[in-house]
């Protein structure tokens, strides 16, 4: 039906990651797609930060997308459970540790 759901686990040498993913692109009216991702990260050894240690954190993102006149428009909000000086321990999927709202426009040329 155009929807995808997924779970991913990784056991890297320095941390373990668990991700839940949902893409509801085919079920939303008006041609608007919605996808969400939530990930937990657990360090094998806590990471030292300015005000202590970080042993685990989570990050998430919500994307709303719609094609418009041959352009793919995406509005993406991402955030994590870390903030301020604790962001130095961030190594997640999103481009920023703190909350970030992104408008992405892409036009394929082929």
C-alpha atoms as a PDB file:
ATOM      1  CA  UNK A   1       0.000   0.000   0.000  1.00  0.00           C
ATOM      2  CA  UNK A   2       2.995   2.305  -0.327  1.00  0.00           C
ATOM      3  CA  UNK A   3       3.874   2.207   3.380  1.00  0.00           C
ATOM      4  CA  UNK A   4       7.050   0.845   4.894  1.00  0.00           C
ATOM      5  CA  UNK A   5       7.891  -0.029   8.485  1.00  0.00           C
ATOM      6  CA  UNK A   6      11.281  -1.098   9.716  1.00  0.00           C
ATOM      7  CA  UNK A   7      13.496  -1.934  12.651  1.00  0.00           C
ATOM      8  CA  UNK A   8      17.288  -1.886  12.579  1.00  0.00           C
ATOM      9  CA  UNK A   9      19.920  -2.869  15.120  1.00  0.00           C
ATOM     10  CA  UNK A  10      23.654  -2.342  14.958  1.00  0.00           C
ATOM     11  CA  UNK A  11      26.387  -3.386  17.342  1.00  0.00           C
ATOM     12  CA  UNK A  12      29.375  -1.175  16.533  1.00  0.00           C
ATOM     13  CA  UNK A  13      32.666  -1.478  18.453  1.00  0.00           C
ATOM     14  CA  UNK A  14      31.885   1.643  20.537  1.00  0.00           C
ATOM     15  CA  UNK A  15      28.058   1.661  20.756  1.00  0.00           C
ATOM     16  CA  UNK A  16      24.781  -0.095  19.986  1.00  0.00           C
ATOM     17  CA  UNK A  17      21.978   1.536  17.963  1.00  0.00           C
ATOM     18  CA  UNK A  18      18.309   0.589  17.679  1.00  0.00           C
ATOM     19  CA  UNK A  19      16.084   2.303  15.098  1.00  0.00           C
ATOM     20  CA  UNK A  20      12.345   2.283  14.410  1.00  0.00           C
ATOM     21  CA  UNK A  21      11.202   3.642  11.041  1.00  0.00           C
ATOM     22  CA  UNK A  22       7.775   4.318   9.525  1.00  0.00           C
ATOM     23  CA  UNK A  23       7.047   5.711   6.062  1.00  0.00           C
ATOM     24  CA  UNK A  24       3.338   6.383   5.481  1.00  0.00           C
ATOM     25  CA  UNK A  25       3.815   7.930   2.050  1.00  0.00           C
ATOM     26  CA  UNK A  26       1.074   5.985   0.274  1.00  0.00           C
ATOM     27  CA  UNK A  27      -1.714   6.450   2.814  1.00  0.00           C
ATOM     28  CA  UNK A  28      -1.865  10.183   3.325  1.00  0.00           C
ATOM     29  CA  UNK A  29      -4.365  12.308   1.328  1.00  0.00           C
ATOM     30  CA  UNK A  30      -3.411  15.178  -0.987  1.00  0.00           C
ATOM     31  CA  UNK A  31      -0.174  13.467  -2.073  1.00  0.00           C
ATOM     32  CA  UNK A  32       1.585  14.336   1.182  1.00  0.00           C
ATOM     33  CA  UNK A  33       3.998  11.756   2.544  1.00  0.00           C
ATOM     34  CA  UNK A  34       4.905  11.368   6.211  1.00  0.00           C
ATOM     35  CA  UNK A  35       7.865   9.444   7.608  1.00  0.00           C
ATOM     36  CA  UNK A  36       9.306   9.199  11.100  1.00  0.00           C
ATOM     37  CA  UNK A  37      12.470   7.717  12.600  1.00  0.00           C
ATOM     38  CA  UNK A  38      13.397   7.167  16.265  1.00  0.00           C
ATOM     39  CA  UNK A  39      16.831   5.853  17.302  1.00  0.00           C
ATOM     40  CA  UNK A  40      18.420   5.032  20.646  1.00  0.00           C
ATOM     41  CA  UNK A  41      22.214   5.016  21.037  1.00  0.00           C
ATOM     42  CA  UNK A  42      23.993   3.259  23.921  1.00  0.00           C
ATOM     43  CA  UNK A  43      27.758   3.804  24.331  1.00  0.00           C
ATOM     44  CA  UNK A  44      29.877   0.884  25.571  1.00  0.00           C
ATOM     45  CA  UNK A  45      31.938   3.402  27.581  1.00  0.00           C
ATOM     46  CA  UNK A  46      30.345   6.716  28.641  1.00  0.00           C
ATOM     47  CA  UNK A  47      31.614   9.747  26.742  1.00  0.00           C
ATOM     48  CA  UNK A  48      33.082  12.579  28.788  1.00  0.00           C
ATOM     49  CA  UNK A  49      31.405  15.965  28.316  1.00  0.00           C
ATOM     50  CA  UNK A  50      31.864  19.330  30.008  1.00  0.00           C
ATOM     51  CA  UNK A  51      29.399  18.629  32.833  1.00  0.00           C
ATOM     52  CA  UNK A  52      29.854  14.863  33.298  1.00  0.00           C
ATOM     53  CA  UNK A  53      29.328  11.796  31.128  1.00  0.00           C
ATOM     54  CA  UNK A  54      26.856  10.646  28.479  1.00  0.00           C
ATOM     55  CA  UNK A  55      26.121   6.918  28.365  1.00  0.00           C
ATOM     56  CA  UNK A  56      23.128   6.976  26.027  1.00  0.00           C
ATOM     57  CA  UNK A  57      20.873   9.294  24.072  1.00  0.00           C
ATOM     58  CA  UNK A  58      18.110   9.184  21.489  1.00  0.00           C
ATOM     59  CA  UNK A  59      17.337  11.144  18.353  1.00  0.00           C
ATOM     60  CA  UNK A  60      14.337  11.389  16.072  1.00  0.00           C
ATOM     61  CA  UNK A  61      13.083  12.999  12.906  1.00  0.00           C
ATOM     62  CA  UNK A  62       9.742  13.667  11.263  1.00  0.00           C
ATOM     63  CA  UNK A  63       9.556  14.366   7.521  1.00  0.00           C
ATOM     64  CA  UNK A  64       6.586  15.669   5.562  1.00  0.00           C
ATOM     65  CA  UNK A  65       7.045  15.536   1.794  1.00  0.00           C
ATOM     66  CA  UNK A  66       5.111  16.445  -1.314  1.00  0.00           C
ATOM     67  CA  UNK A  67       5.956  16.703  -4.989  1.00  0.00           C
ATOM     68  CA  UNK A  68       5.142  20.093  -6.534  1.00  0.00           C
ATOM     69  CA  UNK A  69       5.664  21.009 -10.204  1.00  0.00           C
ATOM     70  CA  UNK A  70       8.442  18.476 -10.650  1.00  0.00           C
ATOM     71  CA  UNK A  71      10.174  19.464  -7.395  1.00  0.00           C
ATOM     72  CA  UNK A  72      10.326  17.198  -4.353  1.00  0.00           C
ATOM     73  CA  UNK A  73       9.593  19.327  -1.259  1.00  0.00           C
ATOM     74  CA  UNK A  74      10.534  17.999   2.194  1.00  0.00           C
ATOM     75  CA  UNK A  75       9.965  19.675   5.551  1.00  0.00           C
ATOM     76  CA  UNK A  76      12.044  17.882   8.189  1.00  0.00           C
ATOM     77  CA  UNK A  77      12.201  18.386  11.942  1.00  0.00           C
ATOM     78  CA  UNK A  78      14.932  16.554  13.865  1.00  0.00           C
ATOM     79  CA  UNK A  79      16.056  16.663  17.484  1.00  0.00           C
ATOM     80  CA  UNK A  80      17.807  14.614  20.160  1.00  0.00           C
ATOM     81  CA  UNK A  81      17.688  14.101  23.902  1.00  0.00           C
ATOM     82  CA  UNK A  82      21.017  15.947  24.221  1.00  0.00           C
ATOM     83  CA  UNK A  83      21.427  19.711  24.393  1.00  0.00           C
ATOM     84  CA  UNK A  84      23.996  22.391  25.125  1.00  0.00           C
ATOM     85  CA  UNK A  85      27.477  21.145  26.061  1.00  0.00           C
ATOM     86  CA  UNK A  86      26.234  17.526  26.065  1.00  0.00           C
ATOM     87  CA  UNK A  87      25.961  17.775  22.262  1.00  0.00           C
ATOM     88  CA  UNK A  88      29.704  17.110  22.077  1.00  0.00           C
ATOM     89  CA  UNK A  89      28.794  13.426  22.657  1.00  0.00           C
ATOM     90  CA  UNK A  90      26.300  13.386  19.755  1.00  0.00           C
ATOM     91  CA  UNK A  91      26.934  10.921  16.935  1.00  0.00           C
ATOM     92  CA  UNK A  92      23.440  10.234  15.641  1.00  0.00           C
ATOM     93  CA  UNK A  93      21.722  10.125  12.261  1.00  0.00           C
ATOM     94  CA  UNK A  94      20.631  13.759  12.113  1.00  0.00           C
ATOM     95  CA  UNK A  95      22.873  16.589  10.974  1.00  0.00           C
ATOM     96  CA  UNK A  96      22.514  18.505  14.265  1.00  0.00           C
ATOM     97  CA  UNK A  97      22.151  17.550  17.937  1.00  0.00           C
ATOM     98  CA  UNK A  98      19.733  20.347  18.857  1.00  0.00           C
ATOM     99  CA  UNK A  99      16.326  20.780  17.224  1.00  0.00           C
ATOM    100  CA  UNK A 100      16.574  21.625  13.534  1.00  0.00           C
ATOM    101  CA  UNK A 101      13.867  22.486  11.004  1.00  0.00           C
ATOM    102  CA  UNK A 102      14.943  21.967   7.388  1.00  0.00           C
ATOM    103  CA  UNK A 103      13.199  22.758   4.095  1.00  0.00           C
ATOM    104  CA  UNK A 104      14.648  20.648   1.313  1.00  0.00           C
ATOM    105  CA  UNK A 105      13.831  21.135  -2.374  1.00  0.00           C
ATOM    106  CA  UNK A 106      15.152  18.747  -4.998  1.00  0.00           C
ATOM    107  CA  UNK A 107      14.586  18.524  -8.739  1.00  0.00           C
ATOM    108  CA  UNK A 108      15.816  15.456 -10.619  1.00  0.00           C
ATOM    109  CA  UNK A 109      17.450  16.263 -13.975  1.00  0.00           C
ATOM    110  CA  UNK A 110      17.230  12.775 -15.468  1.00  0.00           C
END
